[in-house]
């Protein structure tokens, strides 16, 4: 009888070990997510998720270490979606260069558009990617800070590196998204030229975005 129970214990430990490994590789979500086997692949997956409005798929692309990281990744997704809607509205009302005009009037244009990637371009193909072991450095634009990736069983985007104040960034992104939604409501209103709208966005964006 004792031998029978010892085998049950061994089997149970093996099952627990497999479960833990899968949880680690998948960032807490079970089996590892698909489409993240290279830096280029995770960039393409993230861009597609942002373009198509797929929040869960975008969060899969991000390195998350706690519920705060998940909430911050979701807030980043919401911010980008608000930016896309504002960009479409601006171009439809003020012309095709309107978005670029608004961006140029912000305090830090590169930070403002860091994840607002073009829908019709392959950011992975255009990016300069340097891999060093389980880390990768991605240069998307000459004037933008490098984007860092981390290999955790699959490649993930380090949208919120250690020490970046993830809860504060989450709150700032949520406020920024509200600012962009409010700006979207003002597009095309009488007495609201593009220059004033851009100035309002700059004035109301949180400084810690």
Protein backbone atom coordinates (compact mmCIF):
# COMPACT_ATOMS: atom_id res chain seq x y z
CA UNK A 1 0.00 0.00 0.00
CA UNK A 2 2.86 2.39 0.85
CA UNK A 3 4.49 1.73 -2.56
CA UNK A 4 1.19 2.52 -4.31
CA UNK A 5 0.93 5.87 -2.57
CA UNK A 6 4.59 6.71 -3.28
CA UNK A 7 3.93 6.34 -7.02
CA UNK A 8 0.92 8.61 -6.71
CA UNK A 9 3.11 11.22 -5.03
CA UNK A 10 5.72 10.99 -7.81
CA UNK A 11 3.08 11.34 -10.53
CA UNK A 12 1.55 14.27 -8.72
CA UNK A 13 4.90 16.05 -8.43
CA UNK A 14 5.59 15.52 -12.13
CA UNK A 15 2.20 16.98 -13.02
CA UNK A 16 2.79 20.00 -10.81
CA UNK A 17 6.25 20.50 -12.36
CA UNK A 18 4.84 20.46 -15.88
CA UNK A 19 2.13 22.93 -14.89
CA UNK A 20 4.67 25.32 -13.34
CA UNK A 21 6.90 25.20 -16.43
CA UNK A 22 3.98 25.98 -18.72
CA UNK A 23 2.89 28.83 -16.49
CA UNK A 24 6.39 30.35 -16.55
CA UNK A 25 6.78 30.01 -20.31
CA UNK A 26 3.36 31.42 -20.97
CA UNK A 27 3.70 34.37 -18.62
CA UNK A 28 1.03 32.94 -16.34
CA UNK A 29 -1.41 32.04 -19.07
CA UNK A 30 -0.77 28.30 -19.58
CA UNK A 31 0.80 27.21 -22.86
CA UNK A 32 3.18 29.71 -24.50
CA UNK A 33 1.44 32.08 -26.93
CA UNK A 34 1.94 31.50 -30.63
CA UNK A 35 3.59 33.90 -33.04
CA UNK A 36 6.39 35.05 -30.75
CA UNK A 37 9.29 32.80 -31.72
CA UNK A 38 11.51 35.68 -32.88
CA UNK A 39 11.83 39.44 -32.26
CA UNK A 40 10.40 40.12 -35.71
CA UNK A 41 7.47 37.80 -35.07
CA UNK A 42 6.44 39.41 -31.78
CA UNK A 43 6.66 42.89 -33.32
CA UNK A 44 4.40 41.82 -36.19
CA UNK A 45 1.96 40.17 -33.81
CA UNK A 46 1.80 43.26 -31.60
CA UNK A 47 1.33 45.55 -34.60
CA UNK A 48 -1.47 43.36 -35.95
CA UNK A 49 -3.16 43.23 -32.55
CA UNK A 50 -3.04 47.02 -32.25
CA UNK A 51 -4.27 47.51 -35.80
CA UNK A 52 -7.14 45.04 -35.43
CA UNK A 53 -8.13 46.04 -31.89
CA UNK A 54 -7.22 42.71 -30.25
CA UNK A 55 -6.35 43.58 -26.67
CA UNK A 56 -5.72 40.06 -25.38
CA UNK A 57 -3.29 39.31 -28.23
CA UNK A 58 -1.41 42.54 -27.57
CA UNK A 59 -1.09 41.78 -23.86
CA UNK A 60 0.33 38.36 -24.81
CA UNK A 61 3.15 40.21 -26.54
CA UNK A 62 4.12 42.14 -23.41
CA UNK A 63 6.28 41.03 -20.51
CA UNK A 64 3.92 40.92 -17.53
CA UNK A 65 5.07 40.04 -14.01
CA UNK A 66 1.98 40.88 -12.00
CA UNK A 67 -1.56 42.15 -12.31
CA UNK A 68 -0.16 45.68 -12.35
CA UNK A 69 1.85 44.88 -15.48
CA UNK A 70 -1.21 43.37 -17.14
CA UNK A 71 -3.27 46.45 -16.30
CA UNK A 72 -0.51 48.70 -17.64
CA UNK A 73 -0.34 46.74 -20.91
CA UNK A 74 -4.12 47.03 -21.25
CA UNK A 75 -3.89 50.78 -20.57
CA UNK A 76 -1.21 51.09 -23.25
CA UNK A 77 -3.47 49.26 -25.70
CA UNK A 78 -6.38 51.60 -24.87
CA UNK A 79 -4.14 54.64 -25.36
CA UNK A 80 -3.04 53.44 -28.80
CA UNK A 81 -6.63 52.71 -29.81
CA UNK A 82 -7.63 56.24 -28.77
CA UNK A 83 -4.72 57.60 -30.81
CA UNK A 84 -5.77 55.62 -33.88
CA UNK A 85 -9.32 56.95 -33.67
CA UNK A 86 -8.07 60.50 -33.22
CA UNK A 87 -5.67 60.10 -36.14
CA UNK A 88 -8.45 58.86 -38.43
CA UNK A 89 -10.75 61.71 -37.38
CA UNK A 90 -8.06 64.35 -37.86
CA UNK A 91 -7.15 63.15 -41.33
CA UNK A 92 -10.78 62.90 -42.35
CA UNK A 93 -11.53 66.45 -41.20
CA UNK A 94 -8.35 68.49 -41.57
CA UNK A 95 -6.42 66.57 -44.24
CA UNK A 96 -3.88 63.76 -44.50
CA UNK A 97 -1.08 65.67 -42.72
CA UNK A 98 -3.23 66.66 -39.74
CA UNK A 99 -2.04 63.87 -37.46
CA UNK A 100 1.60 64.65 -38.16
CA UNK A 101 0.88 68.30 -37.35
CA UNK A 102 -0.68 67.40 -34.00
CA UNK A 103 2.20 65.08 -33.14
CA UNK A 104 4.79 67.75 -33.96
CA UNK A 105 3.15 70.14 -31.45
CA UNK A 106 3.57 67.74 -28.51
CA UNK A 107 6.30 68.13 -25.90
CA UNK A 108 7.89 64.77 -26.77
CA UNK A 109 6.58 63.58 -30.17
CA UNK A 110 8.62 60.35 -30.15
CA UNK A 111 7.27 59.29 -26.76
CA UNK A 112 3.76 60.37 -27.75
CA UNK A 113 3.74 57.98 -30.73
CA UNK A 114 6.06 55.25 -29.40
CA UNK A 115 3.44 52.51 -29.89
CA UNK A 116 1.17 54.25 -32.40
CA UNK A 117 2.65 52.28 -35.27
CA UNK A 118 1.40 52.71 -38.86
CA UNK A 119 -1.22 50.17 -39.81
CA UNK A 120 0.02 49.78 -43.37
CA UNK A 121 3.74 49.29 -42.74
CA UNK A 122 5.74 46.32 -41.51
CA UNK A 123 7.51 47.77 -38.48
CA UNK A 124 9.55 44.60 -37.99
CA UNK A 125 10.96 44.79 -41.51
CA UNK A 126 11.96 48.43 -41.12
CA UNK A 127 13.33 48.15 -37.58
CA UNK A 128 16.97 47.70 -36.68
CA UNK A 129 17.08 44.73 -34.30
CA UNK A 130 20.13 43.72 -32.26
CA UNK A 131 19.92 40.43 -30.36
CA UNK A 132 22.16 39.75 -27.38
CA UNK A 133 21.35 36.44 -25.73
CA UNK A 134 17.86 36.58 -24.25
CA UNK A 135 17.47 40.30 -24.92
CA UNK A 136 16.92 42.32 -28.06
CA UNK A 137 17.17 46.03 -28.78
CA UNK A 138 14.81 47.43 -31.40
CA UNK A 139 15.30 50.82 -33.06
CA UNK A 140 12.03 51.76 -34.75
CA UNK A 141 12.95 55.35 -35.56
CA UNK A 142 16.05 57.49 -35.33
CA UNK A 143 14.48 59.93 -32.85
CA UNK A 144 12.75 57.33 -30.65
CA UNK A 145 14.05 55.49 -27.61
CA UNK A 146 14.95 51.85 -28.35
CA UNK A 147 12.30 49.25 -27.61
CA UNK A 148 13.56 46.35 -25.52
CA UNK A 149 12.48 42.73 -25.95
CA UNK A 150 12.98 39.82 -23.56
CA UNK A 151 13.13 36.11 -24.27
CA UNK A 152 10.97 34.33 -21.67
CA UNK A 153 10.35 31.03 -23.44
CA UNK A 154 8.92 33.26 -26.19
CA UNK A 155 9.88 36.82 -27.11
CA UNK A 156 8.00 39.59 -25.32
CA UNK A 157 8.06 43.38 -25.41
CA UNK A 158 9.47 45.07 -22.32
CA UNK A 159 6.95 47.90 -22.44
CA UNK A 160 7.47 48.53 -18.71
CA UNK A 161 11.03 47.67 -17.63
CA UNK A 162 11.88 47.06 -13.98
CA UNK A 163 11.99 50.30 -12.03
CA UNK A 164 9.82 52.21 -14.50
CA UNK A 165 6.99 52.75 -12.01
CA UNK A 166 4.45 50.49 -13.67
CA UNK A 167 1.46 51.62 -11.60
CA UNK A 168 2.20 55.28 -12.29
CA UNK A 169 2.63 54.54 -16.00
CA UNK A 170 -0.69 52.68 -16.01
CA UNK A 171 -2.47 55.67 -14.47
CA UNK A 172 -0.74 58.11 -16.83
CA UNK A 173 -1.71 56.07 -19.87
CA UNK A 174 -5.32 55.94 -18.71
CA UNK A 175 -5.39 59.73 -18.34
CA UNK A 176 -3.70 60.16 -21.71
CA UNK A 177 -6.29 57.95 -23.39
CA UNK A 178 -9.05 60.10 -21.91
CA UNK A 179 -7.31 63.21 -23.25
CA UNK A 180 -7.21 61.75 -26.77
CA UNK A 181 -10.84 60.66 -26.58
CA UNK A 182 -11.84 64.18 -25.54
CA UNK A 183 -9.83 65.60 -28.43
CA UNK A 184 -11.63 63.23 -30.78
CA UNK A 185 -14.94 64.69 -29.64
CA UNK A 186 -13.71 68.20 -30.51
CA UNK A 187 -12.59 67.36 -34.05
CA UNK A 188 -14.57 69.37 -36.57
CA UNK A 189 -16.40 71.52 -34.03
CA UNK A 190 -16.88 75.15 -35.07
CA UNK A 191 -14.20 77.36 -33.61
CA UNK A 192 -11.79 74.47 -33.00
CA UNK A 193 -8.95 74.73 -35.51
CA UNK A 194 -6.31 72.04 -35.63
CA UNK A 195 -3.74 74.24 -33.92
CA UNK A 196 -5.99 74.78 -30.90
CA UNK A 197 -6.82 71.10 -30.70
CA UNK A 198 -3.11 70.18 -30.75
CA UNK A 199 -2.43 72.73 -28.02
CA UNK A 200 -5.23 71.30 -25.87
CA UNK A 201 -3.80 67.80 -26.20
CA UNK A 202 -0.34 68.99 -25.19
CA UNK A 203 -1.72 70.92 -22.22
CA UNK A 204 -3.83 68.02 -20.91
CA UNK A 205 -1.47 65.10 -21.47
CA UNK A 206 0.10 63.84 -18.23
CA UNK A 207 3.77 64.72 -17.97
CA UNK A 208 4.73 61.19 -16.94
CA UNK A 209 3.35 59.52 -20.05
